Amino acid sequence: MEFTRRRFIKFLAFFIANISFKIPDIFGSIFDDSQKLLKTKNYKKQKVKVVGIGWAGCNVINYMSKSGINDIEYIAISSDPRILDCCDVIQNKKKIRDALAGSECVFIIAGMGGKTGTRITPVVAQISKEFDALTIGIVITPFIFEGKKRLIMAEKGIEKLKKTADAVILIPNQAILELIPSSAILAEAFKKSDEVCYLVVKAFRDLFLDETTCMDLQDIKKVYFPVGITRVGIGYSEKGSLKDAIKMALNSPLFEKASLKKAKNIFCTIYFSGEETLSEFREVIKILSKKFYKNTKILWKGVMEPEELPKAVIFASGYE
């Protein structure tokens, strides 16, 4: 497929229309009045809650609570209250229902393969759906060395969660090992897993739930969900190259053997500095246009973060 100038201009116009600009604080006083007007007339802040279940899930929300995602309520479900320092631990169904009341979007994060995350996650998803909340499961799957029994348990838990959640995003611990140096200790692998889950929530929220998102959440649910099993790829660029970040995300080991060509839905959040040239954007669009079929449903959003390195988070779903 030839990448014509007209196609590039059309795509770039769409991309710019979906860009979310994070304005530095120095400009706050200039934009305060207009931002208040926009929020009052057009936008409604979504009630987003993140539920961490078991040891793995609670570690993630500990990490997230210190990483600067605002306007999110954290809920912990664990048999061991000592592992939390960001919120109280809930240990029964009534309290879970009370905690989720009023939610519009719920992220449920858990490791599967053991008892707590595998058994409780589908129950929490069911309660979340009772409130008609957009329900996103983020499942951390076991390392191979943890044994076949845990892998089988994880698969059974994922199958149950699929029946209720709007999306089940898989984070394979085994693939996490490919994102860190071979000399790294196990604790670093777990920390990397926490970081990946944090970026998944951030990218998903920036794409669908940010105040600059023009679609109503109910419309988003009707148009884009449910999507079932979802794979994710994350890419960075230490050199400040948006193209390198996209390439890294598209070739992420987190996709495992899942083919991007077979995905029916692609959701992509791209973080850029604002220093990129039109030529660089054109290269990025050319790379992405070659990866997917014409009938693939694609949703993009650009988020400008002037002081950050370029990043890309790509969600692929709708696999048979």
C-alpha atoms as a PDB file:
ATOM      1  CA  MET A   1       0.000   0.000   0.000  1.00  0.00           C
ATOM      2  CA  GLU A   2       1.522   3.282  -1.148  1.00  0.00           C
ATOM      3  CA  PHE A   3       1.767   5.885   1.607  1.00  0.00           C
ATOM      4  CA  THR A   4       0.682   9.006  -0.278  1.00  0.00           C
ATOM      5  CA  ARG A   5       1.000  12.627   0.815  1.00  0.00           C
ATOM      6  CA  ARG A   6      -2.804  12.930   0.960  1.00  0.00           C
ATOM      7  CA  ARG A   7      -3.084   9.880   3.237  1.00  0.00           C
ATOM      8  CA  PHE A   8      -0.362  11.263   5.490  1.00  0.00           C
ATOM      9  CA  ILE A   9      -2.065  14.676   5.824  1.00  0.00           C
ATOM     10  CA  LYS A  10      -5.419  13.012   6.549  1.00  0.00           C
ATOM     11  CA  PHE A  11      -3.892  10.736   9.197  1.00  0.00           C
ATOM     12  CA  LEU A  12      -1.869  13.556  10.758  1.00  0.00           C
ATOM     13  CA  ALA A  13      -4.987  15.720  11.028  1.00  0.00           C
ATOM     14  CA  PHE A  14      -6.760  12.861  12.826  1.00  0.00           C
ATOM     15  CA  PHE A  15      -3.772  12.323  15.114  1.00  0.00           C
ATOM     16  CA  ILE A  16      -3.522  16.010  16.060  1.00  0.00           C
ATOM     17  CA  ALA A  17      -7.270  16.136  16.709  1.00  0.00           C
ATOM     18  CA  ASN A  18      -6.805  13.385  19.290  1.00  0.00           C
ATOM     19  CA  ILE A  19      -3.719  14.815  20.979  1.00  0.00           C
ATOM     20  CA  SER A  20      -3.904  15.465  24.702  1.00  0.00           C
ATOM     21  CA  PHE A  21      -1.611  18.309  25.765  1.00  0.00           C
ATOM     22  CA  LYS A  22      -0.315  18.339  29.322  1.00  0.00           C
ATOM     23  CA  ILE A  23       0.339  22.045  29.901  1.00  0.00           C
ATOM     24  CA  PRO A  24       3.203  22.873  32.300  1.00  0.00           C
ATOM     25  CA  ASP A  25       2.263  24.576  35.582  1.00  0.00           C
ATOM     26  CA  ILE A  26       3.950  27.820  34.464  1.00  0.00           C
ATOM     27  CA  PHE A  27       1.011  28.376  32.086  1.00  0.00           C
ATOM     28  CA  GLY A  28      -1.631  27.487  34.676  1.00  0.00           C
ATOM     29  CA  SER A  29      -2.878  31.025  35.347  1.00  0.00           C
ATOM     30  CA  ILE A  30      -3.292  31.749  31.636  1.00  0.00           C
ATOM     31  CA  PHE A  31      -5.467  28.705  30.978  1.00  0.00           C
ATOM     32  CA  ASP A  32      -7.367  28.410  34.279  1.00  0.00           C
ATOM     33  CA  ASP A  33     -10.567  30.132  33.159  1.00  0.00           C
ATOM     34  CA  SER A  34     -10.806  28.380  29.797  1.00  0.00           C
ATOM     35  CA  GLN A  35     -10.082  24.996  31.378  1.00  0.00           C
ATOM     36  CA  LYS A  36     -12.832  25.525  33.971  1.00  0.00           C
ATOM     37  CA  LEU A  37     -15.249  26.426  31.195  1.00  0.00           C
ATOM     38  CA  LEU A  38     -14.351  23.309  29.208  1.00  0.00           C
ATOM     39  CA  LYS A  39     -14.738  21.059  32.233  1.00  0.00           C
ATOM     40  CA  THR A  40     -18.083  22.574  33.153  1.00  0.00           C
ATOM     41  CA  LYS A  41     -19.593  22.363  29.680  1.00  0.00           C
ATOM     42  CA  ASN A  42     -18.080  19.298  28.072  1.00  0.00           C
ATOM     43  CA  TYR A  43     -16.196  17.009  30.396  1.00  0.00           C
ATOM     44  CA  LYS A  44     -17.031  14.881  33.376  1.00  0.00           C
ATOM     45  CA  LYS A  45     -14.265  13.396  35.478  1.00  0.00           C
ATOM     46  CA  GLN A  46     -14.665   9.628  35.609  1.00  0.00           C
ATOM     47  CA  LYS A  47     -14.692   7.747  38.909  1.00  0.00           C
ATOM     48  CA  VAL A  48     -11.763   5.395  38.437  1.00  0.00           C
ATOM     49  CA  LYS A  49     -10.799   2.758  40.983  1.00  0.00           C
ATOM     50  CA  VAL A  50      -7.869   0.358  40.939  1.00  0.00           C
ATOM     51  CA  VAL A  51      -8.221  -2.882  42.870  1.00  0.00           C
ATOM     52  CA  GLY A  52      -5.079  -4.797  43.838  1.00  0.00           C
ATOM     53  CA  ILE A  53      -5.698  -8.437  44.747  1.00  0.00           C
ATOM     54  CA  GLY A  54      -3.236 -10.652  46.601  1.00  0.00           C
ATOM     55  CA  TRP A  55       0.493 -10.167  46.928  1.00  0.00           C
ATOM     56  CA  ALA A  56       1.155  -9.211  43.283  1.00  0.00           C
ATOM     57  CA  GLY A  57      -1.820  -6.873  42.911  1.00  0.00           C
ATOM     58  CA  CYS A  58      -1.158  -5.097  46.211  1.00  0.00           C
ATOM     59  CA  ASN A  59       2.492  -4.554  45.289  1.00  0.00           C
ATOM     60  CA  VAL A  60       1.364  -2.929  42.034  1.00  0.00           C
ATOM     61  CA  ILE A  61      -0.997  -0.467  43.735  1.00  0.00           C
ATOM     62  CA  ASN A  62       1.736   0.364  46.261  1.00  0.00           C
ATOM     63  CA  TYR A  63       3.976   1.235  43.287  1.00  0.00           C
ATOM     64  CA  MET A  64       1.214   3.146  41.473  1.00  0.00           C
ATOM     65  CA  SER A  65       0.262   5.215  44.514  1.00  0.00           C
ATOM     66  CA  LYS A  66       3.812   6.635  44.544  1.00  0.00           C
ATOM     67  CA  SER A  67       4.069   7.169  40.770  1.00  0.00           C
ATOM     68  CA  GLY A  68       1.910  10.230  40.246  1.00  0.00           C
ATOM     69  CA  ILE A  69      -1.392   9.004  38.792  1.00  0.00           C
ATOM     70  CA  ASN A  70      -3.924  11.362  40.368  1.00  0.00           C
ATOM     71  CA  ASP A  71      -7.690  11.112  40.780  1.00  0.00           C
ATOM     72  CA  ILE A  72      -7.670   7.337  41.294  1.00  0.00           C
ATOM     73  CA  GLU A  73      -8.908   5.480  44.347  1.00  0.00           C
ATOM     74  CA  TYR A  74      -6.899   2.422  45.379  1.00  0.00           C
ATOM     75  CA  ILE A  75      -8.520  -0.643  46.937  1.00  0.00           C
ATOM     76  CA  ALA A  76      -6.587  -3.590  48.349  1.00  0.00           C
ATOM     77  CA  ILE A  77      -7.850  -7.139  48.802  1.00  0.00           C
ATOM     78  CA  SER A  78      -5.458  -9.462  50.597  1.00  0.00           C
ATOM     79  CA  SER A  79      -5.192 -12.023  53.348  1.00  0.00           C
ATOM     80  CA  ASP A  80      -2.098 -10.215  54.631  1.00  0.00           C
ATOM     81  CA  PRO A  81      -2.683  -6.554  55.595  1.00  0.00           C
ATOM     82  CA  ARG A  82       1.037  -6.046  56.357  1.00  0.00           C
ATOM     83  CA  ILE A  83       1.994  -5.735  52.687  1.00  0.00           C
ATOM     84  CA  LEU A  84       0.060  -2.470  52.148  1.00  0.00           C
ATOM     85  CA  ASP A  85       1.063   1.089  52.883  1.00  0.00           C
ATOM     86  CA  CYS A  86      -1.214   3.018  50.494  1.00  0.00           C
ATOM     87  CA  CYS A  87      -4.695   1.995  51.683  1.00  0.00           C
ATOM     88  CA  ASP A  88      -6.646  -0.273  54.001  1.00  0.00           C
ATOM     89  CA  VAL A  89      -7.151  -3.940  53.183  1.00  0.00           C
ATOM     90  CA  ILE A  90     -10.643  -5.289  52.447  1.00  0.00           C
ATOM     91  CA  GLN A  91     -11.362  -8.923  53.242  1.00  0.00           C
ATOM     92  CA  ASN A  92     -15.061  -9.629  52.596  1.00  0.00           C
ATOM     93  CA  LYS A  93     -17.589  -9.351  49.744  1.00  0.00           C
ATOM     94  CA  LYS A  94     -19.863  -6.759  51.385  1.00  0.00           C
ATOM     95  CA  LYS A  95     -16.952  -4.372  51.890  1.00  0.00           C
ATOM     96  CA  ILE A  96     -15.838  -4.961  48.295  1.00  0.00           C
ATOM     97  CA  ARG A  97     -19.326  -4.025  47.062  1.00  0.00           C
ATOM     98  CA  ASP A  98     -19.355  -0.912  49.266  1.00  0.00           C
ATOM     99  CA  ALA A  99     -15.883   0.084  48.043  1.00  0.00           C
ATOM    100  CA  LEU A 100     -16.834  -0.251  44.361  1.00  0.00           C
ATOM    101  CA  ALA A 101     -20.150   1.586  44.650  1.00  0.00           C
ATOM    102  CA  GLY A 102     -20.340   4.511  42.217  1.00  0.00           C
ATOM    103  CA  SER A 103     -17.427   3.298  40.082  1.00  0.00           C
ATOM    104  CA  GLU A 104     -17.428   4.121  36.366  1.00  0.00           C
ATOM    105  CA  CYS A 105     -14.191   2.314  35.522  1.00  0.00           C
ATOM    106  CA  VAL A 106     -12.490  -0.382  37.583  1.00  0.00           C
ATOM    107  CA  PHE A 107      -9.028  -1.825  36.963  1.00  0.00           C
ATOM    108  CA  ILE A 108      -8.534  -5.165  38.725  1.00  0.00           C
ATOM    109  CA  ILE A 109      -4.882  -6.179  39.058  1.00  0.00           C
ATOM    110  CA  ALA A 110      -3.848  -9.632  40.255  1.00  0.00           C
ATOM    111  CA  GLY A 111      -1.297 -12.349  39.829  1.00  0.00           C
ATOM    112  CA  MET A 112      -2.892 -15.650  38.832  1.00  0.00           C
ATOM    113  CA  GLY A 113      -1.735 -19.169  39.544  1.00  0.00           C
ATOM    114  CA  GLY A 114      -2.140 -19.045  43.314  1.00  0.00           C
ATOM    115  CA  LYS A 115      -5.329 -19.071  45.377  1.00  0.00           C
ATOM    116  CA  THR A 116      -6.091 -15.418  46.172  1.00  0.00           C
ATOM    117  CA  GLY A 117      -5.821 -13.745  42.759  1.00  0.00           C
ATOM    118  CA  THR A 118      -7.177 -16.707  40.790  1.00  0.00           C
ATOM    119  CA  ARG A 119     -10.301 -17.163  42.909  1.00  0.00           C
ATOM    120  CA  ILE A 120     -11.174 -13.606  43.908  1.00  0.00           C
ATOM    121  CA  THR A 121     -10.517 -11.634  40.694  1.00  0.00           C
ATOM    122  CA  PRO A 122     -13.561 -13.004  38.769  1.00  0.00           C
ATOM    123  CA  VAL A 123     -15.765 -12.281  41.807  1.00  0.00           C
ATOM    124  CA  VAL A 124     -14.591  -8.654  41.984  1.00  0.00           C
ATOM    125  CA  ALA A 125     -15.154  -8.287  38.229  1.00  0.00           C
ATOM    126  CA  GLN A 126     -18.722  -9.540  38.633  1.00  0.00           C
ATOM    127  CA  ILE A 127     -19.391  -7.001  41.404  1.00  0.00           C
ATOM    128  CA  SER A 128     -17.881  -4.229  39.256  1.00  0.00           C
ATOM    129  CA  LYS A 129     -20.216  -5.100  36.373  1.00  0.00           C
ATOM    130  CA  GLU A 130     -23.200  -4.895  38.741  1.00  0.00           C
ATOM    131  CA  PHE A 131     -22.425  -1.165  38.897  1.00  0.00           C
ATOM    132  CA  ASP A 132     -22.173  -1.039  35.077  1.00  0.00           C
ATOM    133  CA  ALA A 133     -18.524   0.005  35.369  1.00  0.00           C
ATOM    134  CA  LEU A 134     -16.055  -0.475  32.543  1.00  0.00           C
ATOM    135  CA  THR A 135     -14.162  -3.438  34.011  1.00  0.00           C
ATOM    136  CA  ILE A 136     -10.551  -4.051  33.000  1.00  0.00           C
ATOM    137  CA  GLY A 137      -8.670  -7.067  34.341  1.00  0.00           C
ATOM    138  CA  ILE A 138      -4.873  -6.896  34.387  1.00  0.00           C
ATOM    139  CA  VAL A 139      -3.501 -10.379  34.997  1.00  0.00           C
ATOM    140  CA  ILE A 140       0.119 -11.141  35.808  1.00  0.00           C
ATOM    141  CA  THR A 141       0.825 -14.726  34.734  1.00  0.00           C
ATOM    142  CA  PRO A 142       3.431 -17.005  36.387  1.00  0.00           C
ATOM    143  CA  PHE A 143       7.061 -17.563  35.493  1.00  0.00           C
ATOM    144  CA  ILE A 144       7.680 -20.947  33.826  1.00  0.00           C
ATOM    145  CA  PHE A 145       9.880 -22.004  36.740  1.00  0.00           C
ATOM    146  CA  GLU A 146       6.867 -21.713  39.074  1.00  0.00           C
ATOM    147  CA  GLY A 147       5.603 -24.980  37.621  1.00  0.00           C
ATOM    148  CA  LYS A 148       2.894 -26.346  35.351  1.00  0.00           C
ATOM    149  CA  LYS A 149       0.276 -26.495  38.128  1.00  0.00           C
ATOM    150  CA  ARG A 150       0.341 -22.714  38.644  1.00  0.00           C
ATOM    151  CA  LEU A 151       0.225 -22.091  34.880  1.00  0.00           C
ATOM    152  CA  ILE A 152      -2.874 -24.305  34.554  1.00  0.00           C
ATOM    153  CA  MET A 153      -4.533 -22.556  37.520  1.00  0.00           C
ATOM    154  CA  ALA A 154      -3.797 -19.198  35.928  1.00  0.00           C
ATOM    155  CA  GLU A 155      -5.396 -20.291  32.633  1.00  0.00           C
ATOM    156  CA  LYS A 156      -8.558 -21.401  34.452  1.00  0.00           C
ATOM    157  CA  GLY A 157      -8.733 -18.086  36.332  1.00  0.00           C
ATOM    158  CA  ILE A 158      -8.314 -16.121  33.089  1.00  0.00           C
ATOM    159  CA  GLU A 159     -11.135 -18.096  31.435  1.00  0.00           C
ATOM    160  CA  LYS A 160     -13.485 -17.219  34.309  1.00  0.00           C
ATOM    161  CA  LEU A 161     -12.462 -13.556  34.248  1.00  0.00           C
ATOM    162  CA  LYS A 162     -13.032 -13.367  30.474  1.00  0.00           C
ATOM    163  CA  LYS A 163     -16.722 -14.117  30.961  1.00  0.00           C
ATOM    164  CA  THR A 164     -17.254 -10.910  32.956  1.00  0.00           C
ATOM    165  CA  ALA A 165     -14.521  -8.332  32.324  1.00  0.00           C
ATOM    166  CA  ASP A 166     -14.642  -5.962  29.333  1.00  0.00           C
ATOM    167  CA  ALA A 167     -10.947  -6.648  28.708  1.00  0.00           C
ATOM    168  CA  VAL A 168      -8.370  -9.005  30.210  1.00  0.00           C
ATOM    169  CA  ILE A 169      -4.878  -7.584  29.708  1.00  0.00           C
ATOM    170  CA  LEU A 170      -2.166 -10.215  30.124  1.00  0.00           C
ATOM    171  CA  ILE A 171       1.231  -9.352  31.630  1.00  0.00           C
ATOM    172  CA  PRO A 172       3.408 -12.482  31.322  1.00  0.00           C
ATOM    173  CA  ASN A 173       6.089 -12.561  34.012  1.00  0.00           C
ATOM    174  CA  GLN A 174       8.181 -14.842  31.801  1.00  0.00           C
ATOM    175  CA  ALA A 175       8.342 -12.120  29.127  1.00  0.00           C
ATOM    176  CA  ILE A 176       9.224  -9.520  31.778  1.00  0.00           C
ATOM    177  CA  LEU A 177      12.589 -11.308  32.078  1.00  0.00           C
ATOM    178  CA  GLU A 178      13.399 -10.154  28.537  1.00  0.00           C
ATOM    179  CA  LEU A 179      12.922  -6.511  29.557  1.00  0.00           C
ATOM    180  CA  ILE A 180      15.637  -6.568  32.215  1.00  0.00           C
ATOM    181  CA  PRO A 181      19.364  -7.475  32.151  1.00  0.00           C
ATOM    182  CA  SER A 182      20.178 -11.165  32.591  1.00  0.00           C
ATOM    183  CA  SER A 183      22.253 -10.207  35.640  1.00  0.00           C
ATOM    184  CA  ALA A 184      19.202  -8.695  37.380  1.00  0.00           C
ATOM    185  CA  ILE A 185      17.889 -10.257  40.585  1.00  0.00           C
ATOM    186  CA  LEU A 186      14.314 -11.558  40.947  1.00  0.00           C
ATOM    187  CA  ALA A 187      13.226  -8.490  42.928  1.00  0.00           C
ATOM    188  CA  GLU A 188      14.031  -6.342  39.876  1.00  0.00           C
ATOM    189  CA  ALA A 189      11.779  -8.529  37.731  1.00  0.00           C
ATOM    190  CA  PHE A 190       8.887  -7.996  40.143  1.00  0.00           C
ATOM    191  CA  LYS A 191       9.547  -4.239  40.169  1.00  0.00           C
ATOM    192  CA  LYS A 192       9.540  -4.211  36.357  1.00  0.00           C
ATOM    193  CA  SER A 193       6.211  -6.036  36.415  1.00  0.00           C
ATOM    194  CA  ASP A 194       4.821  -3.320  38.724  1.00  0.00           C
ATOM    195  CA  GLU A 195       6.100  -0.632  36.329  1.00  0.00           C
ATOM    196  CA  VAL A 196       4.485  -2.323  33.323  1.00  0.00           C
ATOM    197  CA  CYS A 197       1.112  -2.545  35.113  1.00  0.00           C
ATOM    198  CA  TYR A 198       1.386   1.133  36.055  1.00  0.00           C
ATOM    199  CA  LEU A 199       2.049   2.118  32.421  1.00  0.00           C
ATOM    200  CA  VAL A 200      -0.852  -0.035  31.241  1.00  0.00           C
ATOM    201  CA  VAL A 201      -3.284   1.749  33.583  1.00  0.00           C
ATOM    202  CA  LYS A 202      -1.834   5.176  32.711  1.00  0.00           C
ATOM    203  CA  ALA A 203      -2.001   4.586  28.940  1.00  0.00           C
ATOM    204  CA  PHE A 204      -5.506   3.146  29.121  1.00  0.00           C
ATOM    205  CA  ARG A 205      -6.733   6.039  31.242  1.00  0.00           C
ATOM    206  CA  ASP A 206      -5.086   8.632  28.973  1.00  0.00           C
ATOM    207  CA  LEU A 207      -6.693   6.998  25.932  1.00  0.00           C
ATOM    208  CA  PHE A 208     -10.249   6.485  27.179  1.00  0.00           C
ATOM    209  CA  LEU A 209     -10.763   8.366  30.446  1.00  0.00           C
ATOM    210  CA  ASP A 210      -8.793  11.607  30.199  1.00  0.00           C
ATOM    211  CA  GLU A 211     -10.764  14.868  30.454  1.00  0.00           C
ATOM    212  CA  THR A 212      -9.831  15.695  26.848  1.00  0.00           C
ATOM    213  CA  THR A 213     -11.515  12.510  25.566  1.00  0.00           C
ATOM    214  CA  CYS A 214     -14.539  13.669  23.584  1.00  0.00           C
ATOM    215  CA  MET A 215     -16.565  10.440  23.735  1.00  0.00           C
ATOM    216  CA  ASP A 216     -18.843   9.682  26.653  1.00  0.00           C
ATOM    217  CA  LEU A 217     -17.820   6.605  28.640  1.00  0.00           C
ATOM    218  CA  GLN A 218     -21.108   4.851  27.847  1.00  0.00           C
ATOM    219  CA  ASP A 219     -20.447   5.377  24.136  1.00  0.00           C
ATOM    220  CA  ILE A 220     -16.882   4.109  24.517  1.00  0.00           C
ATOM    221  CA  LYS A 221     -18.206   0.911  26.111  1.00  0.00           C
ATOM    222  CA  LYS A 222     -20.703   0.384  23.298  1.00  0.00           C
ATOM    223  CA  VAL A 223     -18.241   1.057  20.466  1.00  0.00           C
ATOM    224  CA  TYR A 224     -15.022  -0.564  21.708  1.00  0.00           C
ATOM    225  CA  PHE A 225     -15.906  -3.159  24.352  1.00  0.00           C
ATOM    226  CA  PRO A 226     -15.896  -5.991  25.277  1.00  0.00           C
ATOM    227  CA  VAL A 227     -12.643  -7.087  23.633  1.00  0.00           C
ATOM    228  CA  GLY A 228     -11.653 -10.196  25.626  1.00  0.00           C
ATOM    229  CA  ILE A 229      -8.008 -11.214  25.896  1.00  0.00           C
ATOM    230  CA  THR A 230      -5.717  -8.236  25.276  1.00  0.00           C
ATOM    231  CA  ARG A 231      -1.978  -8.183  24.726  1.00  0.00           C
ATOM    232  CA  VAL A 232       0.177  -5.128  25.305  1.00  0.00           C
ATOM    233  CA  GLY A 233       3.493  -3.867  23.991  1.00  0.00           C
ATOM    234  CA  ILE A 234       5.492  -1.028  25.542  1.00  0.00           C
ATOM    235  CA  GLY A 235       8.322   0.891  23.928  1.00  0.00           C
ATOM    236  CA  TYR A 236      10.697   3.665  25.058  1.00  0.00           C
ATOM    237  CA  SER A 237      13.479   5.631  23.460  1.00  0.00           C
ATOM    238  CA  GLU A 238      16.461   6.794  25.492  1.00  0.00           C
ATOM    239  CA  LYS A 239      17.602   8.780  22.431  1.00  0.00           C
ATOM    240  CA  GLY A 240      14.348  10.723  22.221  1.00  0.00           C
ATOM    241  CA  SER A 241      13.247   9.017  18.991  1.00  0.00           C
ATOM    242  CA  LEU A 242       9.502   8.476  18.632  1.00  0.00           C
ATOM    243  CA  LYS A 243      10.151   6.039  15.796  1.00  0.00           C
ATOM    244  CA  ASP A 244      12.369   3.881  18.021  1.00  0.00           C
ATOM    245  CA  ALA A 245       9.713   3.866  20.764  1.00  0.00           C
ATOM    246  CA  ILE A 246       7.049   2.676  18.291  1.00  0.00           C
ATOM    247  CA  LYS A 247       9.308  -0.052  16.890  1.00  0.00           C
ATOM    248  CA  MET A 248      10.152  -1.276  20.392  1.00  0.00           C
ATOM    249  CA  ALA A 249       6.463  -1.400  21.347  1.00  0.00           C
ATOM    250  CA  LEU A 250       5.510  -3.303  18.180  1.00  0.00           C
ATOM    251  CA  ASN A 251       8.252  -5.873  18.837  1.00  0.00           C
ATOM    252  CA  SER A 252       7.705  -6.126  22.587  1.00  0.00           C
ATOM    253  CA  PRO A 253       8.279  -9.569  24.141  1.00  0.00           C
ATOM    254  CA  LEU A 254       5.101  -8.928  26.164  1.00  0.00           C
ATOM    255  CA  PHE A 255       3.109  -9.837  23.040  1.00  0.00           C
ATOM    256  CA  GLU A 256       4.679 -13.320  23.272  1.00  0.00           C
ATOM    257  CA  LYS A 257       3.552 -15.283  20.190  1.00  0.00           C
ATOM    258  CA  ALA A 258       0.418 -13.220  19.566  1.00  0.00           C
ATOM    259  CA  SER A 259       0.310 -11.850  16.018  1.00  0.00           C
ATOM    260  CA  LEU A 260      -0.598  -8.183  15.644  1.00  0.00           C
ATOM    261  CA  LYS A 261      -1.938  -8.988  12.168  1.00  0.00           C
ATOM    262  CA  LYS A 262      -4.630 -11.202  13.721  1.00  0.00           C
ATOM    263  CA  ALA A 263      -5.814  -8.587  16.227  1.00  0.00           C
ATOM    264  CA  LYS A 264      -9.245  -7.107  15.473  1.00  0.00           C
ATOM    265  CA  ASN A 265      -8.714  -4.089  17.735  1.00  0.00           C
ATOM    266  CA  ILE A 266      -5.644  -1.894  18.239  1.00  0.00           C
ATOM    267  CA  PHE A 267      -5.587   0.810  20.909  1.00  0.00           C
ATOM    268  CA  CYS A 268      -2.468   2.962  20.984  1.00  0.00           C
ATOM    269  CA  THR A 269      -1.309   5.728  23.330  1.00  0.00           C
ATOM    270  CA  ILE A 270       1.751   7.620  22.107  1.00  0.00           C
ATOM    271  CA  TYR A 271       3.691   9.955  24.412  1.00  0.00           C
ATOM    272  CA  PHE A 272       5.884  12.541  22.703  1.00  0.00           C
ATOM    273  CA  SER A 273       7.912  15.564  23.763  1.00  0.00           C
ATOM    274  CA  GLY A 274       6.644  18.124  21.255  1.00  0.00           C
ATOM    275  CA  GLU A 275      10.089  18.466  19.643  1.00  0.00           C
ATOM    276  CA  GLU A 276       9.347  15.889  16.933  1.00  0.00           C
ATOM    277  CA  THR A 277       9.289  16.967  13.276  1.00  0.00           C
ATOM    278  CA  LEU A 278       6.525  16.274  10.761  1.00  0.00           C
ATOM    279  CA  SER A 279       8.964  13.984   8.993  1.00  0.00           C
ATOM    280  CA  GLU A 280       9.329  11.872  12.128  1.00  0.00           C
ATOM    281  CA  PHE A 281       5.551  11.629  12.532  1.00  0.00           C
ATOM    282  CA  ARG A 282       5.321  10.542   8.908  1.00  0.00           C
ATOM    283  CA  GLU A 283       7.838   7.752   9.520  1.00  0.00           C
ATOM    284  CA  VAL A 284       5.912   6.591  12.580  1.00  0.00           C
ATOM    285  CA  ILE A 285       2.621   6.489  10.677  1.00  0.00           C
ATOM    286  CA  LYS A 286       4.268   4.575   7.841  1.00  0.00           C
ATOM    287  CA  ILE A 287       5.588   1.960  10.284  1.00  0.00           C
ATOM    288  CA  LEU A 288       2.183   1.527  11.920  1.00  0.00           C
ATOM    289  CA  SER A 289       0.236   1.412   8.638  1.00  0.00           C
ATOM    290  CA  LYS A 290       2.194  -1.663   7.518  1.00  0.00           C
ATOM    291  CA  LYS A 291       1.454  -3.640  10.685  1.00  0.00           C
ATOM    292  CA  PHE A 292      -2.325  -3.959  10.608  1.00  0.00           C
ATOM    293  CA  TYR A 293      -5.043  -5.080   8.204  1.00  0.00           C
ATOM    294  CA  LYS A 294      -7.393  -2.495   6.684  1.00  0.00           C
ATOM    295  CA  ASN A 295     -10.418  -3.838   8.598  1.00  0.00           C
ATOM    296  CA  THR A 296      -8.675  -3.646  11.989  1.00  0.00           C
ATOM    297  CA  LYS A 297     -10.461  -1.266  14.367  1.00  0.00           C
ATOM    298  CA  ILE A 298      -7.804   1.253  15.455  1.00  0.00           C
ATOM    299  CA  LEU A 299      -7.974   3.991  18.078  1.00  0.00           C
ATOM    300  CA  TRP A 300      -5.013   6.340  18.625  1.00  0.00           C
ATOM    301  CA  LYS A 301      -4.198   9.154  20.970  1.00  0.00           C
ATOM    302  CA  GLY A 302      -1.147  11.357  21.312  1.00  0.00           C
ATOM    303  CA  VAL A 303      -0.201  12.769  24.706  1.00  0.00           C
ATOM    304  CA  MET A 304       2.438  15.500  24.878  1.00  0.00           C
ATOM    305  CA  GLU A 305       4.760  15.258  27.876  1.00  0.00           C
ATOM    306  CA  PRO A 306       7.466  17.893  27.293  1.00  0.00           C
ATOM    307  CA  GLU A 307       9.897  16.706  29.968  1.00  0.00           C
ATOM    308  CA  GLU A 308       9.591  12.969  29.282  1.00  0.00           C
ATOM    309  CA  LEU A 309      11.197  10.614  26.774  1.00  0.00           C
ATOM    310  CA  PRO A 310       8.943   9.261  23.992  1.00  0.00           C
ATOM    311  CA  LYS A 311       6.910   6.169  24.892  1.00  0.00           C
ATOM    312  CA  ALA A 312       4.329   4.042  23.113  1.00  0.00           C
ATOM    313  CA  VAL A 313       1.826   1.633  24.640  1.00  0.00           C
ATOM    314  CA  ILE A 314      -0.027  -0.585  22.158  1.00  0.00           C
ATOM    315  CA  PHE A 315      -2.993  -2.790  23.119  1.00  0.00           C
ATOM    316  CA  ALA A 316      -3.976  -5.586  20.743  1.00  0.00           C
ATOM    317  CA  SER A 317      -7.206  -7.532  21.248  1.00  0.00           C
ATOM    318  CA  GLY A 318     -10.024  -9.398  19.540  1.00  0.00           C
ATOM    319  CA  TYR A 319      -8.090 -12.618  18.992  1.00  0.00           C
ATOM    320  CA  GLU A 320     -10.106 -15.725  18.126  1.00  0.00           C
END
